[in-house]
Amino acid sequence: MFLAAQQTEPDTDHRLEESSLALSAQHDPDAFIELYRRYVDAVFRYCYRRLESVESAEDATSQVFERALRSIPQYRGGSFRAWLFRIAYTTVVDTWKRRQPIAPGIDPDLTDPDPTPEQRALQRESGQNVQQLLDKLSEEQARVVELRLAGLKGPEIAKAMNRTPESVRMLQYRAMERLRHHLEPDDHAEASDDPR
């Protein structure tokens, strides 16, 4: 199983270096550059999966790092990655809340539902439509899987989601069972597709 191979904890030296860089960035914004380089791609992929638009994901990624740079004085150690992805989650939620119809008087249901060329290219690159699979999960299950795909480990996901590690493991287990059900041949065609 793909996620089982990722369950080892990050290297202790790497975590210490990451925490040290983040603490240094509190007084020296230039130290933040290395953290940005390490995580910009993962944050972009996370935002893209949630927002389904390259432009929205780029804007959200920019906002995540702006917020992180402004908030770095409040960082108190621990996993910088979990702290950063908590900001990413909040940014994505804020983006969803601000979304408006394309123009006054235009029904968003009448817009073209087909993926854009950029979205098609990203879907082909991944080899499968990950978003379609994530849509079959509850919001919390999808969030756990998305954070796993972004490279976070169990304890980091728990911190980012403000949950216990045990509840994250249970959410991940249930998500994997649901995905396994949807990826199996149509033996279960009569089973419900409701993710909750």
C-alpha atoms as a PDB file:
ATOM      1  CA  MET A   1       0.000   0.000   0.000  1.00  0.00           C
ATOM      2  CA  PHE A   2       1.350   3.411  -1.024  1.00  0.00           C
ATOM      3  CA  LEU A   3       0.765   5.195   2.301  1.00  0.00           C
ATOM      4  CA  ALA A   4       2.190   2.399   4.416  1.00  0.00           C
ATOM      5  CA  ALA A   5       5.593   2.938   2.825  1.00  0.00           C
ATOM      6  CA  GLN A   6       5.555   6.540   4.020  1.00  0.00           C
ATOM      7  CA  GLN A   7       4.833   5.872   7.681  1.00  0.00           C
ATOM      8  CA  THR A   8       8.377   6.183   9.000  1.00  0.00           C
ATOM      9  CA  GLU A   9       9.045   9.374  10.928  1.00  0.00           C
ATOM     10  CA  PRO A  10      11.106  12.117   9.282  1.00  0.00           C
ATOM     11  CA  ASP A  11      14.801  11.970  10.048  1.00  0.00           C
ATOM     12  CA  THR A  12      15.486  13.562  13.456  1.00  0.00           C
ATOM     13  CA  ASP A  13      18.378  15.662  12.088  1.00  0.00           C
ATOM     14  CA  HIS A  14      16.104  16.973   9.322  1.00  0.00           C
ATOM     15  CA  ARG A  15      13.400  17.910  11.853  1.00  0.00           C
ATOM     16  CA  LEU A  16      15.933  19.687  14.028  1.00  0.00           C
ATOM     17  CA  GLU A  17      17.376  21.525  11.027  1.00  0.00           C
ATOM     18  CA  GLU A  18      13.877  22.477   9.856  1.00  0.00           C
ATOM     19  CA  SER A  19      12.929  23.748  13.320  1.00  0.00           C
ATOM     20  CA  SER A  20      16.222  25.596  13.604  1.00  0.00           C
ATOM     21  CA  LEU A  21      15.669  27.265  10.214  1.00  0.00           C
ATOM     22  CA  ALA A  22      12.160  28.303  11.228  1.00  0.00           C
ATOM     23  CA  LEU A  23      13.366  29.713  14.536  1.00  0.00           C
ATOM     24  CA  SER A  24      16.160  31.579  12.707  1.00  0.00           C
ATOM     25  CA  ALA A  25      13.590  32.996  10.286  1.00  0.00           C
ATOM     26  CA  GLN A  26      11.911  34.700  13.238  1.00  0.00           C
ATOM     27  CA  HIS A  27      14.823  37.155  13.302  1.00  0.00           C
ATOM     28  CA  ASP A  28      16.222  36.800   9.793  1.00  0.00           C
ATOM     29  CA  PRO A  29      13.692  36.709   6.929  1.00  0.00           C
ATOM     30  CA  ASP A  30      16.445  35.448   4.601  1.00  0.00           C
ATOM     31  CA  ALA A  31      16.419  32.168   6.548  1.00  0.00           C
ATOM     32  CA  PHE A  32      12.812  31.725   5.408  1.00  0.00           C
ATOM     33  CA  ILE A  33      13.982  31.341   1.793  1.00  0.00           C
ATOM     34  CA  GLU A  34      15.225  27.790   2.387  1.00  0.00           C
ATOM     35  CA  LEU A  35      11.921  26.800   3.997  1.00  0.00           C
ATOM     36  CA  TYR A  36      10.076  28.290   1.033  1.00  0.00           C
ATOM     37  CA  ARG A  37      12.215  26.298  -1.412  1.00  0.00           C
ATOM     38  CA  ARG A  38      11.580  23.069   0.482  1.00  0.00           C
ATOM     39  CA  TYR A  39       7.815  23.377   0.675  1.00  0.00           C
ATOM     40  CA  VAL A  40       6.520  25.560  -2.174  1.00  0.00           C
ATOM     41  CA  ASP A  41       5.857  22.623  -4.515  1.00  0.00           C
ATOM     42  CA  ALA A  42       4.111  20.528  -1.851  1.00  0.00           C
ATOM     43  CA  VAL A  43       1.966  23.474  -0.750  1.00  0.00           C
ATOM     44  CA  PHE A  44       1.053  24.231  -4.373  1.00  0.00           C
ATOM     45  CA  ARG A  45       0.014  20.604  -5.001  1.00  0.00           C
ATOM     46  CA  TYR A  46      -2.103  20.607  -1.836  1.00  0.00           C
ATOM     47  CA  CYS A  47      -3.793  23.888  -2.817  1.00  0.00           C
ATOM     48  CA  TYR A  48      -4.346  22.656  -6.378  1.00  0.00           C
ATOM     49  CA  ARG A  49      -6.024  19.459  -5.191  1.00  0.00           C
ATOM     50  CA  ARG A  50      -8.373  21.465  -3.005  1.00  0.00           C
ATOM     51  CA  LEU A  51      -9.080  24.386  -5.354  1.00  0.00           C
ATOM     52  CA  GLU A  52      -8.931  22.581  -8.726  1.00  0.00           C
ATOM     53  CA  SER A  53      -7.537  25.622 -10.542  1.00  0.00           C
ATOM     54  CA  VAL A  54      -3.935  26.467 -11.335  1.00  0.00           C
ATOM     55  CA  GLU A  55      -4.531  30.199 -10.847  1.00  0.00           C
ATOM     56  CA  SER A  56      -6.347  29.720  -7.529  1.00  0.00           C
ATOM     57  CA  ALA A  57      -3.646  27.332  -6.322  1.00  0.00           C
ATOM     58  CA  GLU A  58      -0.901  29.800  -7.264  1.00  0.00           C
ATOM     59  CA  ASP A  59      -2.712  32.620  -5.442  1.00  0.00           C
ATOM     60  CA  ALA A  60      -3.335  30.442  -2.396  1.00  0.00           C
ATOM     61  CA  THR A  61       0.282  29.236  -2.317  1.00  0.00           C
ATOM     62  CA  SER A  62       1.456  32.829  -2.362  1.00  0.00           C
ATOM     63  CA  GLN A  63      -0.936  33.686   0.466  1.00  0.00           C
ATOM     64  CA  VAL A  64       0.237  30.691   2.509  1.00  0.00           C
ATOM     65  CA  PHE A  65       3.848  31.828   2.412  1.00  0.00           C
ATOM     66  CA  GLU A  66       2.924  35.462   3.042  1.00  0.00           C
ATOM     67  CA  ARG A  67       0.939  34.400   6.119  1.00  0.00           C
ATOM     68  CA  ALA A  68       3.724  32.089   7.246  1.00  0.00           C
ATOM     69  CA  LEU A  69       6.327  34.848   6.932  1.00  0.00           C
ATOM     70  CA  ARG A  70       4.116  37.272   8.869  1.00  0.00           C
ATOM     71  CA  SER A  71       3.332  34.635  11.507  1.00  0.00           C
ATOM     72  CA  ILE A  72       6.816  33.171  11.897  1.00  0.00           C
ATOM     73  CA  PRO A  73       7.379  35.146  15.136  1.00  0.00           C
ATOM     74  CA  GLN A  74       4.591  33.037  16.699  1.00  0.00           C
ATOM     75  CA  TYR A  75       6.188  29.731  15.634  1.00  0.00           C
ATOM     76  CA  ARG A  76       7.249  27.896  18.808  1.00  0.00           C
ATOM     77  CA  GLY A  77       9.116  24.891  17.485  1.00  0.00           C
ATOM     78  CA  GLY A  78       7.915  21.435  16.580  1.00  0.00           C
ATOM     79  CA  SER A  79       7.134  20.391  13.039  1.00  0.00           C
ATOM     80  CA  PHE A  80       7.369  23.412  10.759  1.00  0.00           C
ATOM     81  CA  ARG A  81       5.731  21.385   8.007  1.00  0.00           C
ATOM     82  CA  ALA A  82       2.630  20.694  10.147  1.00  0.00           C
ATOM     83  CA  TRP A  83       2.501  24.375  11.130  1.00  0.00           C
ATOM     84  CA  LEU A  84       2.771  25.431   7.466  1.00  0.00           C
ATOM     85  CA  PHE A  85       0.074  23.023   6.280  1.00  0.00           C
ATOM     86  CA  ARG A  86      -2.284  24.267   8.983  1.00  0.00           C
ATOM     87  CA  ILE A  87      -1.844  27.720   7.393  1.00  0.00           C
ATOM     88  CA  ALA A  88      -2.395  26.145   3.960  1.00  0.00           C
ATOM     89  CA  TYR A  89      -5.629  24.528   5.110  1.00  0.00           C
ATOM     90  CA  THR A  90      -6.905  27.818   6.551  1.00  0.00           C
ATOM     91  CA  THR A  91      -5.968  29.649   3.352  1.00  0.00           C
ATOM     92  CA  VAL A  92      -7.828  27.121   1.192  1.00  0.00           C
ATOM     93  CA  VAL A  93     -10.925  27.375   3.408  1.00  0.00           C
ATOM     94  CA  ASP A  94     -10.781  31.187   3.223  1.00  0.00           C
ATOM     95  CA  THR A  95     -10.470  30.984  -0.573  1.00  0.00           C
ATOM     96  CA  TRP A  96     -13.547  28.761  -0.814  1.00  0.00           C
ATOM     97  CA  LYS A  97     -15.523  31.158   1.385  1.00  0.00           C
ATOM     98  CA  ARG A  98     -14.632  34.108  -0.871  1.00  0.00           C
ATOM     99  CA  ARG A  99     -15.542  32.416  -4.141  1.00  0.00           C
ATOM    100  CA  GLN A 100     -18.285  34.234  -6.037  1.00  0.00           C
ATOM    101  CA  PRO A 101     -20.125  33.487  -9.294  1.00  0.00           C
ATOM    102  CA  ILE A 102     -18.151  34.487 -12.386  1.00  0.00           C
ATOM    103  CA  ALA A 103     -20.273  37.585 -12.996  1.00  0.00           C
ATOM    104  CA  PRO A 104     -23.453  39.010 -11.499  1.00  0.00           C
ATOM    105  CA  GLY A 105     -26.472  37.287 -12.994  1.00  0.00           C
ATOM    106  CA  ILE A 106     -24.523  34.299 -14.372  1.00  0.00           C
ATOM    107  CA  ASP A 107     -25.426  30.991 -12.825  1.00  0.00           C
ATOM    108  CA  PRO A 108     -22.210  29.128 -11.894  1.00  0.00           C
ATOM    109  CA  ASP A 109     -23.972  25.869 -12.817  1.00  0.00           C
ATOM    110  CA  LEU A 110     -24.086  27.085 -16.424  1.00  0.00           C
ATOM    111  CA  THR A 111     -20.315  27.466 -16.698  1.00  0.00           C
ATOM    112  CA  ASP A 112     -18.320  24.872 -18.648  1.00  0.00           C
ATOM    113  CA  PRO A 113     -17.833  21.854 -16.364  1.00  0.00           C
ATOM    114  CA  ASP A 114     -15.090  20.375 -18.552  1.00  0.00           C
ATOM    115  CA  PRO A 115     -11.542  20.578 -17.196  1.00  0.00           C
ATOM    116  CA  THR A 116      -9.252  23.267 -18.561  1.00  0.00           C
ATOM    117  CA  PRO A 117      -6.213  22.245 -20.633  1.00  0.00           C
ATOM    118  CA  GLU A 118      -4.012  22.852 -17.567  1.00  0.00           C
ATOM    119  CA  GLN A 119      -6.220  20.612 -15.455  1.00  0.00           C
ATOM    120  CA  ARG A 120      -6.163  17.888 -18.111  1.00  0.00           C
ATOM    121  CA  ALA A 121      -2.371  18.040 -18.260  1.00  0.00           C
ATOM    122  CA  LEU A 122      -2.077  17.734 -14.486  1.00  0.00           C
ATOM    123  CA  GLN A 123      -4.543  14.832 -14.440  1.00  0.00           C
ATOM    124  CA  ARG A 124      -2.622  12.982 -17.162  1.00  0.00           C
ATOM    125  CA  GLU A 125       0.643  13.610 -15.326  1.00  0.00           C
ATOM    126  CA  SER A 126      -0.671  11.978 -12.160  1.00  0.00           C
ATOM    127  CA  GLY A 127      -1.917   8.941 -14.066  1.00  0.00           C
ATOM    128  CA  GLN A 128      -5.361   9.062 -12.461  1.00  0.00           C
ATOM    129  CA  ASN A 129      -7.947  11.523 -11.378  1.00  0.00           C
ATOM    130  CA  VAL A 130      -7.007  11.884  -7.720  1.00  0.00           C
ATOM    131  CA  GLN A 131      -9.642  14.539  -7.108  1.00  0.00           C
ATOM    132  CA  GLN A 132     -12.381  12.215  -8.314  1.00  0.00           C
ATOM    133  CA  LEU A 133     -11.258   9.626  -5.783  1.00  0.00           C
ATOM    134  CA  LEU A 134     -10.968  12.199  -2.997  1.00  0.00           C
ATOM    135  CA  ASP A 135     -14.529  13.329  -3.716  1.00  0.00           C
ATOM    136  CA  LYS A 136     -15.677   9.854  -2.644  1.00  0.00           C
ATOM    137  CA  LEU A 137     -14.322  10.470   0.867  1.00  0.00           C
ATOM    138  CA  SER A 138     -15.672  12.527   3.729  1.00  0.00           C
ATOM    139  CA  GLU A 139     -14.071  15.954   4.057  1.00  0.00           C
ATOM    140  CA  GLU A 140     -11.917  14.857   7.000  1.00  0.00           C
ATOM    141  CA  GLN A 141     -10.815  11.631   5.284  1.00  0.00           C
ATOM    142  CA  ALA A 142      -9.917  13.558   2.126  1.00  0.00           C
ATOM    143  CA  ARG A 143      -7.925  16.062   4.158  1.00  0.00           C
ATOM    144  CA  VAL A 144      -5.887  13.275   5.783  1.00  0.00           C
ATOM    145  CA  VAL A 145      -5.128  11.728   2.380  1.00  0.00           C
ATOM    146  CA  GLU A 146      -4.251  15.124   0.871  1.00  0.00           C
ATOM    147  CA  LEU A 147      -1.854  15.885   3.714  1.00  0.00           C
ATOM    148  CA  ARG A 148      -0.301  12.425   3.267  1.00  0.00           C
ATOM    149  CA  LEU A 149       0.095  13.115  -0.446  1.00  0.00           C
ATOM    150  CA  ALA A 150       1.743  16.411   0.466  1.00  0.00           C
ATOM    151  CA  GLY A 151       4.326  14.410   2.428  1.00  0.00           C
ATOM    152  CA  LEU A 152       3.193  14.907   6.018  1.00  0.00           C
ATOM    153  CA  LYS A 153       3.479  12.043   8.499  1.00  0.00           C
ATOM    154  CA  GLY A 154       0.822  10.929  11.008  1.00  0.00           C
ATOM    155  CA  PRO A 155       1.869  13.135  13.955  1.00  0.00           C
ATOM    156  CA  GLU A 156       2.256  16.157  11.643  1.00  0.00           C
ATOM    157  CA  ILE A 157      -1.205  15.569  10.198  1.00  0.00           C
ATOM    158  CA  ALA A 158      -2.628  15.314  13.706  1.00  0.00           C
ATOM    159  CA  LYS A 159      -1.062  18.646  14.613  1.00  0.00           C
ATOM    160  CA  ALA A 160      -2.160  20.301  11.351  1.00  0.00           C
ATOM    161  CA  MET A 161      -5.734  19.068  11.836  1.00  0.00           C
ATOM    162  CA  ASN A 162      -5.786  19.673  15.590  1.00  0.00           C
ATOM    163  CA  ARG A 163      -6.681  16.019  16.213  1.00  0.00           C
ATOM    164  CA  THR A 164      -5.137  13.131  18.106  1.00  0.00           C
ATOM    165  CA  PRO A 165      -2.777  10.793  16.248  1.00  0.00           C
ATOM    166  CA  GLU A 166      -5.236   7.945  16.942  1.00  0.00           C
ATOM    167  CA  SER A 167      -8.130   9.764  15.267  1.00  0.00           C
ATOM    168  CA  VAL A 168      -5.898  10.529  12.262  1.00  0.00           C
ATOM    169  CA  ARG A 169      -4.964   6.837  11.987  1.00  0.00           C
ATOM    170  CA  MET A 170      -8.666   5.907  12.099  1.00  0.00           C
ATOM    171  CA  LEU A 171      -9.552   8.518   9.450  1.00  0.00           C
ATOM    172  CA  GLN A 172      -6.719   7.253   7.267  1.00  0.00           C
ATOM    173  CA  TYR A 173      -7.780   3.635   7.718  1.00  0.00           C
ATOM    174  CA  ARG A 174     -11.396   4.438   6.803  1.00  0.00           C
ATOM    175  CA  ALA A 175     -10.261   6.512   3.815  1.00  0.00           C
ATOM    176  CA  MET A 176      -8.067   3.667   2.537  1.00  0.00           C
ATOM    177  CA  GLU A 177     -10.912   1.164   2.960  1.00  0.00           C
ATOM    178  CA  ARG A 178     -13.308   3.429   1.035  1.00  0.00           C
ATOM    179  CA  LEU A 179     -10.732   4.023  -1.721  1.00  0.00           C
ATOM    180  CA  ARG A 180      -9.999   0.306  -1.928  1.00  0.00           C
ATOM    181  CA  HIS A 181     -13.745  -0.295  -2.323  1.00  0.00           C
ATOM    182  CA  HIS A 182     -13.940   2.226  -5.182  1.00  0.00           C
ATOM    183  CA  LEU A 183     -10.819   0.935  -6.907  1.00  0.00           C
ATOM    184  CA  GLU A 184     -11.892  -2.729  -6.840  1.00  0.00           C
ATOM    185  CA  PRO A 185     -13.742  -4.174  -9.825  1.00  0.00           C
ATOM    186  CA  ASP A 186     -17.501  -3.627  -9.883  1.00  0.00           C
ATOM    187  CA  ASP A 187     -18.196  -6.493  -7.467  1.00  0.00           C
ATOM    188  CA  HIS A 188     -19.709  -3.896  -5.139  1.00  0.00           C
ATOM    189  CA  ALA A 189     -21.754  -2.005  -7.747  1.00  0.00           C
ATOM    190  CA  GLU A 190     -24.876  -2.121  -5.628  1.00  0.00           C
ATOM    191  CA  ALA A 191     -23.118  -0.647  -2.554  1.00  0.00           C
ATOM    192  CA  SER A 192     -23.755   2.983  -1.687  1.00  0.00           C
ATOM    193  CA  ASP A 193     -21.401   5.691  -2.948  1.00  0.00           C
ATOM    194  CA  ASP A 194     -22.149   7.967   0.021  1.00  0.00           C
ATOM    195  CA  PRO A 195     -18.750   8.711   1.677  1.00  0.00           C
ATOM    196  CA  ARG A 196     -20.168   9.398   5.124  1.00  0.00           C
END
